[in-house]
């Protein structure tokens, strides 16, 4: 199921620096989203507020990152004002960030 989501998720428009990049997101109702996340054993990890530009207006949405701590898979979901749950990014190999010491 996750491979299907990944393949449908990212149909980006390639752009260069300082240009708008458009992409499609998979939006689902709450029940379906819970099933997708449950199938991948992903649990809520962090929350925040995402924002997008719609015309001349910034639109703000709650965002939740879900993570499977055993496999390292993760999904970033924004909740729209229409109560739809949109997957904006998915990935793997989630791990703590450890800054490497540069040799002097």
N, C-alpha and C. Protein backbone atom coordinates (compact mmCIF):
# COMPACT_ATOMS: atom_id res chain seq x y z
N UNK A 1 0.83 -1.19 0.00
CA UNK A 1 0.00 0.00 0.00
C UNK A 1 0.88 1.26 0.00
N UNK A 2 1.97 1.22 0.79
CA UNK A 2 2.83 2.41 0.87
C UNK A 2 3.48 2.69 -0.48
N UNK A 3 3.87 1.64 -1.20
CA UNK A 3 4.48 1.85 -2.51
C UNK A 3 3.49 2.51 -3.46
N UNK A 4 2.22 2.11 -3.38
CA UNK A 4 1.19 2.74 -4.20
C UNK A 4 1.07 4.21 -3.86
N UNK A 5 1.04 4.52 -2.56
CA UNK A 5 0.93 5.92 -2.14
C UNK A 5 2.12 6.73 -2.64
N UNK A 6 3.31 6.15 -2.50
CA UNK A 6 4.50 6.87 -2.94
C UNK A 6 4.44 7.15 -4.43
N UNK A 7 4.02 6.15 -5.21
CA UNK A 7 3.98 6.36 -6.66
C UNK A 7 2.93 7.38 -7.06
N UNK A 8 1.81 7.42 -6.34
CA UNK A 8 0.76 8.39 -6.67
C UNK A 8 1.04 9.77 -6.10
N UNK A 9 1.82 9.79 -5.05
CA UNK A 9 2.02 11.01 -4.29
C UNK A 9 2.80 12.09 -5.04
N UNK A 10 3.93 11.70 -5.56
CA UNK A 10 4.84 12.70 -6.06
C UNK A 10 4.89 12.72 -7.58
N UNK A 11 4.16 13.65 -8.14
CA UNK A 11 4.21 13.92 -9.57
C UNK A 11 4.65 15.38 -9.70
N UNK A 12 5.90 15.64 -9.30
CA UNK A 12 6.33 17.04 -9.20
C UNK A 12 6.51 17.73 -10.54
N UNK A 13 6.41 19.03 -10.50
CA UNK A 13 6.80 19.87 -11.62
C UNK A 13 8.21 20.33 -11.31
N UNK A 14 9.13 20.00 -12.17
CA UNK A 14 10.53 20.34 -11.91
C UNK A 14 10.72 21.84 -12.11
N UNK A 15 11.43 22.45 -11.17
CA UNK A 15 11.67 23.88 -11.25
C UNK A 15 13.08 24.18 -10.75
N UNK A 16 13.55 25.34 -11.08
CA UNK A 16 14.86 25.77 -10.63
C UNK A 16 14.71 26.74 -9.48
N UNK A 17 15.83 27.13 -8.87
CA UNK A 17 15.82 28.02 -7.71
C UNK A 17 14.95 29.24 -7.95
N UNK A 18 14.24 29.65 -6.93
CA UNK A 18 13.38 30.83 -6.94
C UNK A 18 12.15 30.69 -7.83
N UNK A 19 11.79 29.48 -8.16
CA UNK A 19 10.57 29.24 -8.93
C UNK A 19 9.62 28.40 -8.10
N UNK A 20 8.34 28.55 -8.33
CA UNK A 20 7.33 27.79 -7.65
C UNK A 20 7.35 26.34 -8.11
N UNK A 21 7.34 25.40 -7.16
CA UNK A 21 7.30 23.99 -7.47
C UNK A 21 5.93 23.46 -7.06
N UNK A 22 5.23 22.86 -7.99
CA UNK A 22 3.91 22.30 -7.73
C UNK A 22 4.01 20.79 -7.58
N UNK A 23 3.23 20.22 -6.68
CA UNK A 23 3.16 18.78 -6.56
C UNK A 23 1.77 18.38 -6.11
N UNK A 24 1.46 17.13 -6.32
CA UNK A 24 0.17 16.61 -5.91
C UNK A 24 0.32 15.87 -4.60
N UNK A 25 -0.72 15.92 -3.77
CA UNK A 25 -0.72 15.19 -2.51
C UNK A 25 -1.93 14.27 -2.49
N UNK A 26 -1.78 13.13 -1.85
CA UNK A 26 -2.89 12.19 -1.69
C UNK A 26 -3.69 12.63 -0.47
N UNK A 27 -4.97 12.99 -0.66
CA UNK A 27 -5.83 13.40 0.43
C UNK A 27 -6.91 12.35 0.67
N UNK A 28 -7.10 11.99 1.93
CA UNK A 28 -8.03 10.94 2.31
C UNK A 28 -8.89 11.40 3.47
N UNK A 29 -10.02 10.73 3.68
CA UNK A 29 -10.80 11.01 4.87
C UNK A 29 -10.07 10.41 6.08
N UNK A 30 -10.49 10.80 7.27
CA UNK A 30 -9.79 10.41 8.50
C UNK A 30 -9.71 8.89 8.65
N UNK A 31 -10.81 8.20 8.43
CA UNK A 31 -10.85 6.75 8.62
C UNK A 31 -9.87 6.04 7.68
N UNK A 32 -9.85 6.44 6.42
CA UNK A 32 -8.94 5.82 5.46
C UNK A 32 -7.49 6.12 5.80
N UNK A 33 -7.21 7.37 6.22
CA UNK A 33 -5.84 7.73 6.60
C UNK A 33 -5.38 6.90 7.80
N UNK A 34 -6.25 6.73 8.79
CA UNK A 34 -5.89 5.92 9.95
C UNK A 34 -5.55 4.50 9.54
N UNK A 35 -6.26 3.95 8.57
CA UNK A 35 -5.99 2.59 8.08
C UNK A 35 -4.62 2.53 7.42
N UNK A 36 -4.32 3.51 6.58
CA UNK A 36 -3.01 3.54 5.90
C UNK A 36 -1.89 3.61 6.93
N UNK A 37 -2.01 4.49 7.91
CA UNK A 37 -0.96 4.65 8.92
C UNK A 37 -0.86 3.40 9.79
N UNK A 38 -2.00 2.82 10.14
CA UNK A 38 -2.02 1.60 10.94
C UNK A 38 -1.38 0.44 10.20
N UNK A 39 -1.65 0.32 8.90
CA UNK A 39 -1.06 -0.75 8.09
C UNK A 39 0.46 -0.67 8.09
N UNK A 40 1.00 0.53 8.26
CA UNK A 40 2.45 0.74 8.28
C UNK A 40 3.00 0.85 9.70
N UNK A 41 2.13 0.62 10.69
CA UNK A 41 2.52 0.70 12.11
C UNK A 41 3.18 2.03 12.45
N UNK A 42 2.69 3.11 11.85
CA UNK A 42 3.23 4.44 12.13
C UNK A 42 2.38 5.13 13.20
N UNK A 43 3.07 5.72 14.15
CA UNK A 43 2.43 6.41 15.28
C UNK A 43 2.78 7.90 15.22
N UNK A 44 1.92 8.76 15.80
CA UNK A 44 2.25 10.20 15.84
C UNK A 44 3.59 10.43 16.54
N UNK A 45 4.41 11.27 15.94
CA UNK A 45 5.74 11.56 16.47
C UNK A 45 5.89 13.05 16.81
N UNK A 46 5.39 13.92 15.94
CA UNK A 46 5.54 15.36 16.14
C UNK A 46 4.39 16.08 15.46
N UNK A 47 4.07 17.27 15.96
CA UNK A 47 3.03 18.09 15.34
C UNK A 47 3.58 19.48 15.07
N UNK A 48 2.91 20.19 14.20
CA UNK A 48 3.32 21.56 13.87
C UNK A 48 2.24 22.20 13.02
N UNK A 49 2.57 23.35 12.47
CA UNK A 49 1.64 24.05 11.58
C UNK A 49 2.33 24.21 10.24
N UNK A 50 1.71 23.62 9.21
CA UNK A 50 2.23 23.74 7.87
C UNK A 50 1.57 24.92 7.18
N UNK A 51 2.22 25.49 6.19
CA UNK A 51 1.58 26.56 5.43
C UNK A 51 1.94 26.44 3.96
N UNK A 52 1.00 26.85 3.15
CA UNK A 52 1.15 26.84 1.71
C UNK A 52 0.70 28.19 1.18
N UNK A 53 1.11 28.50 -0.01
CA UNK A 53 0.66 29.72 -0.67
C UNK A 53 -0.43 29.32 -1.65
N UNK A 54 -1.57 29.97 -1.53
CA UNK A 54 -2.69 29.75 -2.45
C UNK A 54 -3.02 31.10 -3.06
N UNK A 55 -2.56 31.32 -4.28
CA UNK A 55 -2.70 32.64 -4.89
C UNK A 55 -1.82 33.62 -4.14
N UNK A 56 -2.42 34.68 -3.61
CA UNK A 56 -1.66 35.67 -2.83
C UNK A 56 -1.80 35.44 -1.33
N UNK A 57 -2.42 34.33 -0.93
CA UNK A 57 -2.72 34.08 0.47
C UNK A 57 -1.95 32.89 1.00
N UNK A 58 -1.44 33.02 2.25
CA UNK A 58 -0.85 31.88 2.92
C UNK A 58 -1.96 31.14 3.63
N UNK A 59 -1.99 29.83 3.47
CA UNK A 59 -2.99 28.99 4.12
C UNK A 59 -2.27 28.11 5.13
N UNK A 60 -2.76 28.10 6.37
CA UNK A 60 -2.12 27.35 7.45
C UNK A 60 -2.94 26.11 7.79
N UNK A 61 -2.25 24.98 8.01
CA UNK A 61 -2.91 23.73 8.35
C UNK A 61 -2.13 23.04 9.47
N UNK A 62 -2.84 22.35 10.39
CA UNK A 62 -2.13 21.49 11.34
C UNK A 62 -1.41 20.39 10.56
N UNK A 63 -0.25 20.00 11.04
CA UNK A 63 0.52 18.93 10.40
C UNK A 63 0.98 17.94 11.48
N UNK A 64 1.01 16.67 11.12
CA UNK A 64 1.46 15.62 12.03
C UNK A 64 2.43 14.71 11.30
N UNK A 65 3.55 14.41 11.95
CA UNK A 65 4.50 13.44 11.40
C UNK A 65 4.28 12.12 12.14
N UNK A 66 4.09 11.06 11.37
CA UNK A 66 3.91 9.72 11.91
C UNK A 66 5.16 8.91 11.60
N UNK A 67 5.61 8.09 12.56
CA UNK A 67 6.85 7.33 12.39
C UNK A 67 6.67 5.90 12.89
N UNK A 68 7.27 4.97 12.18
CA UNK A 68 7.40 3.60 12.66
C UNK A 68 8.81 3.49 13.22
N UNK A 69 8.94 3.40 14.54
CA UNK A 69 10.25 3.43 15.17
C UNK A 69 11.08 2.17 14.90
N UNK A 70 10.44 1.10 14.47
CA UNK A 70 11.18 -0.14 14.18
C UNK A 70 11.73 -0.16 12.77
N UNK A 71 10.93 0.31 11.79
CA UNK A 71 11.38 0.26 10.39
C UNK A 71 11.99 1.57 9.92
N UNK A 72 11.68 2.68 10.62
CA UNK A 72 12.17 3.99 10.21
C UNK A 72 11.32 4.66 9.14
N UNK A 73 10.18 4.05 8.77
CA UNK A 73 9.32 4.71 7.78
C UNK A 73 8.60 5.88 8.45
N UNK A 74 8.24 6.89 7.65
CA UNK A 74 7.55 8.06 8.18
C UNK A 74 6.63 8.66 7.13
N UNK A 75 5.61 9.36 7.63
CA UNK A 75 4.63 10.01 6.78
C UNK A 75 4.29 11.37 7.37
N UNK A 76 4.31 12.41 6.54
CA UNK A 76 3.93 13.75 6.99
C UNK A 76 2.54 14.05 6.44
N UNK A 77 1.61 14.39 7.34
CA UNK A 77 0.21 14.60 6.98
C UNK A 77 -0.21 16.01 7.38
N UNK A 78 -0.86 16.72 6.45
CA UNK A 78 -1.49 18.01 6.77
C UNK A 78 -2.99 17.81 6.80
N UNK A 79 -3.65 18.47 7.75
CA UNK A 79 -5.10 18.37 7.88
C UNK A 79 -5.70 19.66 7.36
N UNK A 80 -6.49 19.55 6.30
CA UNK A 80 -7.04 20.74 5.65
C UNK A 80 -8.28 21.24 6.38
N UNK A 81 -8.70 22.43 6.00
CA UNK A 81 -9.90 23.02 6.60
C UNK A 81 -11.15 22.22 6.24
N UNK A 82 -11.07 21.41 5.20
CA UNK A 82 -12.20 20.57 4.80
C UNK A 82 -12.17 19.23 5.53
N UNK A 83 -11.27 19.12 6.55
CA UNK A 83 -11.11 17.90 7.34
C UNK A 83 -10.64 16.72 6.50
N UNK A 84 -9.83 17.01 5.50
CA UNK A 84 -9.19 15.97 4.72
C UNK A 84 -7.75 15.84 5.24
N UNK A 85 -7.22 14.65 5.15
CA UNK A 85 -5.89 14.35 5.64
C UNK A 85 -5.00 14.10 4.43
N UNK A 86 -4.05 15.01 4.20
CA UNK A 86 -3.25 14.98 2.98
C UNK A 86 -1.81 14.58 3.29
N UNK A 87 -1.35 13.52 2.61
CA UNK A 87 0.04 13.09 2.76
C UNK A 87 0.89 14.00 1.89
N UNK A 88 1.76 14.77 2.53
CA UNK A 88 2.60 15.70 1.78
C UNK A 88 4.00 15.16 1.55
N UNK A 89 4.38 14.13 2.33
CA UNK A 89 5.70 13.55 2.16
C UNK A 89 5.75 12.20 2.87
N UNK A 90 6.51 11.27 2.33
CA UNK A 90 6.75 9.98 2.97
C UNK A 90 8.24 9.67 2.85
N UNK A 91 8.72 8.79 3.71
CA UNK A 91 10.13 8.47 3.62
C UNK A 91 10.50 7.26 4.44
N UNK A 92 11.80 7.03 4.52
CA UNK A 92 12.34 5.88 5.25
C UNK A 92 13.62 6.31 5.96
N UNK A 93 14.17 5.39 6.72
CA UNK A 93 15.44 5.59 7.43
C UNK A 93 15.39 6.75 8.41
N UNK A 94 14.23 6.96 9.07
CA UNK A 94 14.13 8.00 10.09
C UNK A 94 15.05 7.62 11.25
N UNK A 95 15.86 8.57 11.68
CA UNK A 95 16.77 8.35 12.79
C UNK A 95 17.11 9.68 13.42
N UNK A 96 17.62 9.66 14.65
CA UNK A 96 18.01 10.91 15.29
C UNK A 96 19.12 11.61 14.51
N UNK A 97 19.09 12.92 14.51
CA UNK A 97 20.14 13.68 13.85
C UNK A 97 21.32 13.79 14.80
N UNK A 98 22.50 13.44 14.32
CA UNK A 98 23.72 13.57 15.09
C UNK A 98 24.70 14.35 14.24
N UNK A 99 25.04 15.54 14.71
CA UNK A 99 25.96 16.39 13.96
C UNK A 99 27.36 15.79 14.02
N UNK A 100 27.98 15.63 12.85
CA UNK A 100 29.32 15.06 12.83
C UNK A 100 30.34 16.14 13.14
N UNK A 101 31.33 15.78 13.87
CA UNK A 101 32.40 16.71 14.23
C UNK A 101 33.35 16.85 13.04
N UNK A 102 33.57 18.08 12.61
CA UNK A 102 34.50 18.31 11.51
C UNK A 102 35.93 18.35 12.07
N UNK A 103 36.84 17.73 11.32
CA UNK A 103 38.25 17.75 11.73
C UNK A 103 38.82 19.12 11.43
N UNK A 104 39.59 19.64 12.38
CA UNK A 104 40.22 20.96 12.19
C UNK A 104 41.57 20.84 11.57
